[in-house]
PDB file of all heavy atoms in Angstrom:
ATOM      1  N   LEU A   1      -7.428  -4.569 -19.295  1.00  0.00           N
ATOM      2  CA  LEU A   1      -7.222  -5.513 -18.214  1.00  0.00           C
ATOM      3  C   LEU A   1      -5.843  -5.324 -17.596  1.00  0.00           C
ATOM      4  O   LEU A   1      -5.697  -5.339 -16.381  1.00  0.00           O
ATOM      5  CB  LEU A   1      -7.375  -6.953 -18.723  1.00  0.00           C
ATOM      6  CG  LEU A   1      -7.221  -8.057 -17.679  1.00  0.00           C
ATOM      7  CD1 LEU A   1      -8.283  -7.915 -16.597  1.00  0.00           C
ATOM      8  CD2 LEU A   1      -7.321  -9.420 -18.335  1.00  0.00           C
ATOM      9  N   LEU A   2      -4.830  -5.105 -18.421  1.00  0.00           N
ATOM     10  CA  LEU A   2      -3.480  -4.882 -17.917  1.00  0.00           C
ATOM     11  C   LEU A   2      -3.427  -3.619 -17.070  1.00  0.00           C
ATOM     12  O   LEU A   2      -2.835  -3.603 -16.009  1.00  0.00           O
ATOM     13  CB  LEU A   2      -2.488  -4.791 -19.078  1.00  0.00           C
ATOM     14  CG  LEU A   2      -1.031  -4.501 -18.685  1.00  0.00           C
ATOM     15  CD1 LEU A   2      -0.499  -5.628 -17.811  1.00  0.00           C
ATOM     16  CD2 LEU A   2      -0.180  -4.325 -19.904  1.00  0.00           C
ATOM     17  N   MET A   3      -4.054  -2.551 -17.517  1.00  0.00           N
ATOM     18  CA  MET A   3      -4.061  -1.303 -16.760  1.00  0.00           C
ATOM     19  C   MET A   3      -4.770  -1.516 -15.428  1.00  0.00           C
ATOM     20  O   MET A   3      -4.362  -1.012 -14.410  1.00  0.00           O
ATOM     21  CB  MET A   3      -4.728  -0.191 -17.568  1.00  0.00           C
ATOM     22  CG  MET A   3      -4.687   1.147 -16.865  1.00  0.00           C
ATOM     23  SD  MET A   3      -3.031   1.674 -16.420  1.00  0.00           S
ATOM     24  CE  MET A   3      -2.629   2.626 -17.845  1.00  0.00           C
ATOM     25  N   GLY A   4      -5.827  -2.288 -15.430  1.00  0.00           N
ATOM     26  CA  GLY A   4      -6.547  -2.574 -14.189  1.00  0.00           C
ATOM     27  C   GLY A   4      -5.673  -3.332 -13.210  1.00  0.00           C
ATOM     28  O   GLY A   4      -5.679  -3.053 -12.011  1.00  0.00           O
ATOM     29  N   ALA A   5      -4.879  -4.278 -13.698  1.00  0.00           N
ATOM     30  CA  ALA A   5      -3.994  -5.049 -12.828  1.00  0.00           C
ATOM     31  C   ALA A   5      -2.899  -4.162 -12.261  1.00  0.00           C
ATOM     32  O   ALA A   5      -2.552  -4.259 -11.073  1.00  0.00           O
ATOM     33  CB  ALA A   5      -3.390  -6.212 -13.603  1.00  0.00           C
ATOM     34  N   VAL A   6      -2.359  -3.268 -13.078  1.00  0.00           N
ATOM     35  CA  VAL A   6      -1.333  -2.341 -12.602  1.00  0.00           C
ATOM     36  C   VAL A   6      -1.918  -1.413 -11.537  1.00  0.00           C
ATOM     37  O   VAL A   6      -1.284  -1.142 -10.517  1.00  0.00           O
ATOM     38  CB  VAL A   6      -0.735  -1.536 -13.780  1.00  0.00           C
ATOM     39  CG1 VAL A   6       0.163  -0.423 -13.291  1.00  0.00           C
ATOM     40  CG2 VAL A   6       0.022  -2.457 -14.728  1.00  0.00           C
ATOM     41  N   ASP A   7      -3.131  -0.941 -11.769  1.00  0.00           N
ATOM     42  CA  ASP A   7      -3.793  -0.079 -10.788  1.00  0.00           C
ATOM     43  C   ASP A   7      -3.959  -0.796  -9.450  1.00  0.00           C
ATOM     44  O   ASP A   7      -3.715  -0.222  -8.394  1.00  0.00           O
ATOM     45  CB  ASP A   7      -5.162   0.378 -11.289  1.00  0.00           C
ATOM     46  CG  ASP A   7      -5.068   1.362 -12.444  1.00  0.00           C
ATOM     47  OD1 ASP A   7      -3.995   1.982 -12.602  1.00  0.00           O
ATOM     48  OD2 ASP A   7      -6.066   1.503 -13.181  1.00  0.00           O
ATOM     49  N   ILE A   8      -4.372  -2.047  -9.490  1.00  0.00           N
ATOM     50  CA  ILE A   8      -4.565  -2.827  -8.264  1.00  0.00           C
ATOM     51  C   ILE A   8      -3.238  -3.006  -7.528  1.00  0.00           C
ATOM     52  O   ILE A   8      -3.166  -2.845  -6.310  1.00  0.00           O
ATOM     53  CB  ILE A   8      -5.212  -4.187  -8.592  1.00  0.00           C
ATOM     54  CG1 ILE A   8      -6.659  -3.973  -9.044  1.00  0.00           C
ATOM     55  CG2 ILE A   8      -5.153  -5.123  -7.398  1.00  0.00           C
ATOM     56  CD1 ILE A   8      -7.333  -5.205  -9.589  1.00  0.00           C
ATOM     57  N   VAL A   9      -2.174  -3.294  -8.251  1.00  0.00           N
ATOM     58  CA  VAL A   9      -0.857  -3.469  -7.632  1.00  0.00           C
ATOM     59  C   VAL A   9      -0.404  -2.173  -6.975  1.00  0.00           C
ATOM     60  O   VAL A   9       0.103  -2.168  -5.850  1.00  0.00           O
ATOM     61  CB  VAL A   9       0.170  -3.964  -8.672  1.00  0.00           C
ATOM     62  CG1 VAL A   9       1.578  -3.893  -8.129  1.00  0.00           C
ATOM     63  CG2 VAL A   9      -0.172  -5.380  -9.119  1.00  0.00           C
ATOM     64  N   VAL A  10      -0.600  -1.046  -7.646  1.00  0.00           N
ATOM     65  CA  VAL A  10      -0.193   0.251  -7.089  1.00  0.00           C
ATOM     66  C   VAL A  10      -0.994   0.570  -5.828  1.00  0.00           C
ATOM     67  O   VAL A  10      -0.439   1.017  -4.824  1.00  0.00           O
ATOM     68  CB  VAL A  10      -0.343   1.368  -8.149  1.00  0.00           C
ATOM     69  CG1 VAL A  10      -0.197   2.743  -7.531  1.00  0.00           C
ATOM     70  CG2 VAL A  10       0.669   1.174  -9.264  1.00  0.00           C
ATOM     71  N   VAL A  11      -2.292   0.326  -5.855  1.00  0.00           N
ATOM     72  CA  VAL A  11      -3.133   0.598  -4.685  1.00  0.00           C
ATOM     73  C   VAL A  11      -2.725  -0.300  -3.518  1.00  0.00           C
ATOM     74  O   VAL A  11      -2.580   0.166  -2.382  1.00  0.00           O
ATOM     75  CB  VAL A  11      -4.627   0.430  -5.024  1.00  0.00           C
ATOM     76  CG1 VAL A  11      -5.477   0.427  -3.770  1.00  0.00           C
ATOM     77  CG2 VAL A  11      -5.078   1.524  -5.978  1.00  0.00           C
ATOM     78  N   LEU A  12      -2.504  -1.591  -3.762  1.00  0.00           N
ATOM     79  CA  LEU A  12      -2.094  -2.499  -2.686  1.00  0.00           C
ATOM     80  C   LEU A  12      -0.737  -2.116  -2.115  1.00  0.00           C
ATOM     81  O   LEU A  12      -0.541  -2.126  -0.891  1.00  0.00           O
ATOM     82  CB  LEU A  12      -2.072  -3.939  -3.189  1.00  0.00           C
ATOM     83  CG  LEU A  12      -3.431  -4.569  -3.467  1.00  0.00           C
ATOM     84  CD1 LEU A  12      -3.259  -5.962  -4.063  1.00  0.00           C
ATOM     85  CD2 LEU A  12      -4.256  -4.632  -2.203  1.00  0.00           C
ATOM     86  N   ALA A  13       0.214  -1.757  -2.973  1.00  0.00           N
ATOM     87  CA  ALA A  13       1.534  -1.338  -2.495  1.00  0.00           C
ATOM     88  C   ALA A  13       1.420  -0.058  -1.666  1.00  0.00           C
ATOM     89  O   ALA A  13       2.083   0.082  -0.632  1.00  0.00           O
ATOM     90  CB  ALA A  13       2.477  -1.131  -3.677  1.00  0.00           C
ATOM     91  N   SER A  14       0.562   0.857  -2.083  1.00  0.00           N
ATOM     92  CA  SER A  14       0.368   2.105  -1.336  1.00  0.00           C
ATOM     93  C   SER A  14      -0.236   1.841   0.036  1.00  0.00           C
ATOM     94  O   SER A  14       0.192   2.420   1.034  1.00  0.00           O
ATOM     95  CB  SER A  14      -0.538   3.058  -2.120  1.00  0.00           C
ATOM     96  OG  SER A  14       0.038   3.377  -3.358  1.00  0.00           O
ATOM     97  N   VAL A  15      -1.222   0.973   0.087  1.00  0.00           N
ATOM     98  CA  VAL A  15      -1.849   0.631   1.367  1.00  0.00           C
ATOM     99  C   VAL A  15      -0.841  -0.022   2.301  1.00  0.00           C
ATOM    100  O   VAL A  15      -0.782   0.301   3.489  1.00  0.00           O
ATOM    101  CB  VAL A  15      -3.079  -0.279   1.142  1.00  0.00           C
ATOM    102  CG1 VAL A  15      -3.563  -0.898   2.435  1.00  0.00           C
ATOM    103  CG2 VAL A  15      -4.191   0.505   0.469  1.00  0.00           C
ATOM    104  N   MET A  16      -0.014  -0.911   1.763  1.00  0.00           N
ATOM    105  CA  MET A  16       0.997  -1.568   2.596  1.00  0.00           C
ATOM    106  C   MET A  16       2.031  -0.560   3.097  1.00  0.00           C
ATOM    107  O   MET A  16       2.445  -0.614   4.259  1.00  0.00           O
ATOM    108  CB  MET A  16       1.666  -2.688   1.808  1.00  0.00           C
ATOM    109  CG  MET A  16       0.760  -3.882   1.577  1.00  0.00           C
ATOM    110  SD  MET A  16       1.449  -5.151   0.519  1.00  0.00           S
ATOM    111  CE  MET A  16       2.996  -5.507   1.285  1.00  0.00           C
ATOM    112  N   LEU A  17       2.448   0.364   2.253  1.00  0.00           N
ATOM    113  CA  LEU A  17       3.414   1.377   2.652  1.00  0.00           C
ATOM    114  C   LEU A  17       2.849   2.296   3.732  1.00  0.00           C
ATOM    115  O   LEU A  17       3.513   2.565   4.734  1.00  0.00           O
ATOM    116  CB  LEU A  17       3.845   2.204   1.441  1.00  0.00           C
ATOM    117  CG  LEU A  17       4.860   3.312   1.718  1.00  0.00           C
ATOM    118  CD1 LEU A  17       6.166   2.721   2.226  1.00  0.00           C
ATOM    119  CD2 LEU A  17       5.101   4.124   0.469  1.00  0.00           C
ATOM    120  N   ILE A  18       1.621   2.733   3.563  1.00  0.00           N
ATOM    121  CA  ILE A  18       0.986   3.598   4.557  1.00  0.00           C
ATOM    122  C   ILE A  18       0.812   2.852   5.871  1.00  0.00           C
ATOM    123  O   ILE A  18       1.056   3.399   6.952  1.00  0.00           O
ATOM    124  CB  ILE A  18      -0.362   4.137   4.031  1.00  0.00           C
ATOM    125  CG1 ILE A  18      -0.097   5.129   2.890  1.00  0.00           C
ATOM    126  CG2 ILE A  18      -1.171   4.793   5.134  1.00  0.00           C
ATOM    127  CD1 ILE A  18      -1.331   5.532   2.120  1.00  0.00           C
ATOM    128  N   GLY A  19       0.401   1.588   5.802  1.00  0.00           N
ATOM    129  CA  GLY A  19       0.265   0.791   7.015  1.00  0.00           C
ATOM    130  C   GLY A  19       1.600   0.597   7.720  1.00  0.00           C
ATOM    131  O   GLY A  19       1.687   0.691   8.946  1.00  0.00           O
ATOM    132  N   GLY A  20       2.656   0.338   6.960  1.00  0.00           N
ATOM    133  CA  GLY A  20       3.982   0.176   7.552  1.00  0.00           C
ATOM    134  C   GLY A  20       4.481   1.446   8.213  1.00  0.00           C
ATOM    135  O   GLY A  20       5.061   1.411   9.302  1.00  0.00           O
ATOM    136  N   LEU A  21       4.252   2.582   7.574  1.00  0.00           N
ATOM    137  CA  LEU A  21       4.658   3.857   8.174  1.00  0.00           C
ATOM    138  C   LEU A  21       3.858   4.144   9.445  1.00  0.00           C
ATOM    139  O   LEU A  21       4.405   4.630  10.438  1.00  0.00           O
ATOM    140  CB  LEU A  21       4.481   4.994   7.170  1.00  0.00           C
ATOM    141  CG  LEU A  21       5.499   5.034   6.039  1.00  0.00           C
ATOM    142  CD1 LEU A  21       5.092   6.072   4.999  1.00  0.00           C
ATOM    143  CD2 LEU A  21       6.885   5.328   6.572  1.00  0.00           C
ATOM    144  N   GLY A  22       2.577   3.853   9.428  1.00  0.00           N
ATOM    145  CA  GLY A  22       1.756   4.028  10.631  1.00  0.00           C
ATOM    146  C   GLY A  22       2.232   3.156  11.769  1.00  0.00           C
ATOM    147  O   GLY A  22       2.318   3.598  12.921  1.00  0.00           O
ATOM    148  N   TRP A  23       2.552   1.909  11.469  1.00  0.00           N
ATOM    149  CA  TRP A  23       3.056   0.990  12.504  1.00  0.00           C
ATOM    150  C   TRP A  23       4.393   1.480  13.050  1.00  0.00           C
ATOM    151  O   TRP A  23       4.623   1.457  14.249  1.00  0.00           O
ATOM    152  CB  TRP A  23       3.210  -0.415  11.923  1.00  0.00           C
ATOM    153  CG  TRP A  23       3.862  -1.370  12.860  1.00  0.00           C
ATOM    154  CD1 TRP A  23       3.294  -2.013  13.916  1.00  0.00           C
ATOM    155  CD2 TRP A  23       5.238  -1.775  12.841  1.00  0.00           C
ATOM    156  NE1 TRP A  23       4.225  -2.788  14.542  1.00  0.00           N
ATOM    157  CE2 TRP A  23       5.429  -2.668  13.905  1.00  0.00           C
ATOM    158  CE3 TRP A  23       6.312  -1.461  12.016  1.00  0.00           C
ATOM    159  CZ2 TRP A  23       6.659  -3.246  14.163  1.00  0.00           C
ATOM    160  CZ3 TRP A  23       7.526  -2.035  12.283  1.00  0.00           C
ATOM    161  CH2 TRP A  23       7.692  -2.923  13.345  1.00  0.00           C
ATOM    162  N   TYR A  24       5.269   1.960  12.168  1.00  0.00           N
ATOM    163  CA  TYR A  24       6.591   2.407  12.589  1.00  0.00           C
ATOM    164  C   TYR A  24       6.506   3.629  13.511  1.00  0.00           C
ATOM    165  O   TYR A  24       7.173   3.693  14.533  1.00  0.00           O
ATOM    166  CB  TYR A  24       7.448   2.735  11.363  1.00  0.00           C
ATOM    167  CG  TYR A  24       8.828   3.232  11.711  1.00  0.00           C
ATOM    168  CD1 TYR A  24       9.820   2.347  12.101  1.00  0.00           C
ATOM    169  CD2 TYR A  24       9.131   4.593  11.666  1.00  0.00           C
ATOM    170  CE1 TYR A  24      11.090   2.794  12.426  1.00  0.00           C
ATOM    171  CE2 TYR A  24      10.404   5.046  11.990  1.00  0.00           C
ATOM    172  CZ  TYR A  24      11.375   4.147  12.369  1.00  0.00           C
ATOM    173  OH  TYR A  24      12.620   4.588  12.704  1.00  0.00           O
ATOM    174  N   PHE A  25       5.676   4.605  13.137  1.00  0.00           N
ATOM    175  CA  PHE A  25       5.625   5.839  13.905  1.00  0.00           C
ATOM    176  C   PHE A  25       4.672   5.780  15.095  1.00  0.00           C
ATOM    177  O   PHE A  25       4.891   6.470  16.091  1.00  0.00           O
ATOM    178  CB  PHE A  25       5.234   7.013  13.002  1.00  0.00           C
ATOM    179  CG  PHE A  25       6.349   7.454  12.102  1.00  0.00           C
ATOM    180  CD1 PHE A  25       6.286   7.219  10.745  1.00  0.00           C
ATOM    181  CD2 PHE A  25       7.469   8.078  12.613  1.00  0.00           C
ATOM    182  CE1 PHE A  25       7.315   7.621   9.907  1.00  0.00           C
ATOM    183  CE2 PHE A  25       8.508   8.474  11.795  1.00  0.00           C
ATOM    184  CZ  PHE A  25       8.427   8.244  10.440  1.00  0.00           C
ATOM    185  N   PHE A  26       3.608   4.989  15.026  1.00  0.00           N
ATOM    186  CA  PHE A  26       2.604   5.001  16.081  1.00  0.00           C
ATOM    187  C   PHE A  26       2.473   3.670  16.819  1.00  0.00           C
ATOM    188  O   PHE A  26       1.607   3.526  17.674  1.00  0.00           O
ATOM    189  CB  PHE A  26       1.240   5.402  15.500  1.00  0.00           C
ATOM    190  CG  PHE A  26       1.259   6.743  14.836  1.00  0.00           C
ATOM    191  CD1 PHE A  26       1.085   6.855  13.471  1.00  0.00           C
ATOM    192  CD2 PHE A  26       1.476   7.885  15.569  1.00  0.00           C
ATOM    193  CE1 PHE A  26       1.108   8.089  12.838  1.00  0.00           C
ATOM    194  CE2 PHE A  26       1.513   9.131  14.955  1.00  0.00           C
ATOM    195  CZ  PHE A  26       1.323   9.227  13.588  1.00  0.00           C
ATOM    196  N   GLY A  27       3.330   2.705  16.492  1.00  0.00           N
ATOM    197  CA  GLY A  27       3.274   1.410  17.153  1.00  0.00           C
ATOM    198  C   GLY A  27       3.787   1.487  18.582  1.00  0.00           C
ATOM    199  O   GLY A  27       4.351   2.489  19.023  1.00  0.00           O
ATOM    200  N   ARG A  28       3.571   0.428  19.315  1.00  0.00           N
ATOM    201  CA  ARG A  28       4.010   0.383  20.708  1.00  0.00           C
ATOM    202  C   ARG A  28       5.523   0.352  20.784  1.00  0.00           C
ATOM    203  O   ARG A  28       6.194  -0.282  19.987  1.00  0.00           O
ATOM    204  CB  ARG A  28       3.442  -0.855  21.392  1.00  0.00           C
ATOM    205  CG  ARG A  28       1.924  -0.875  21.383  1.00  0.00           C
ATOM    206  CD  ARG A  28       1.424  -2.029  22.152  1.00  0.00           C
ATOM    207  NE  ARG A  28       1.082  -1.499  23.468  1.00  0.00           N
ATOM    208  CZ  ARG A  28       0.728  -2.234  24.492  1.00  0.00           C
ATOM    209  NH1 ARG A  28       0.687  -3.524  24.393  1.00  0.00           N
ATOM    210  NH2 ARG A  28       0.420  -1.669  25.630  1.00  0.00           N
TER     211      ARG A  28
END
């Protein structure tokens, strides 16, 4: 269960980072 929670946190942080980089480089 702990490993699953860590995996979820890593995936969410990665998605947020990728989204932020996309907004920074391709935003208006």
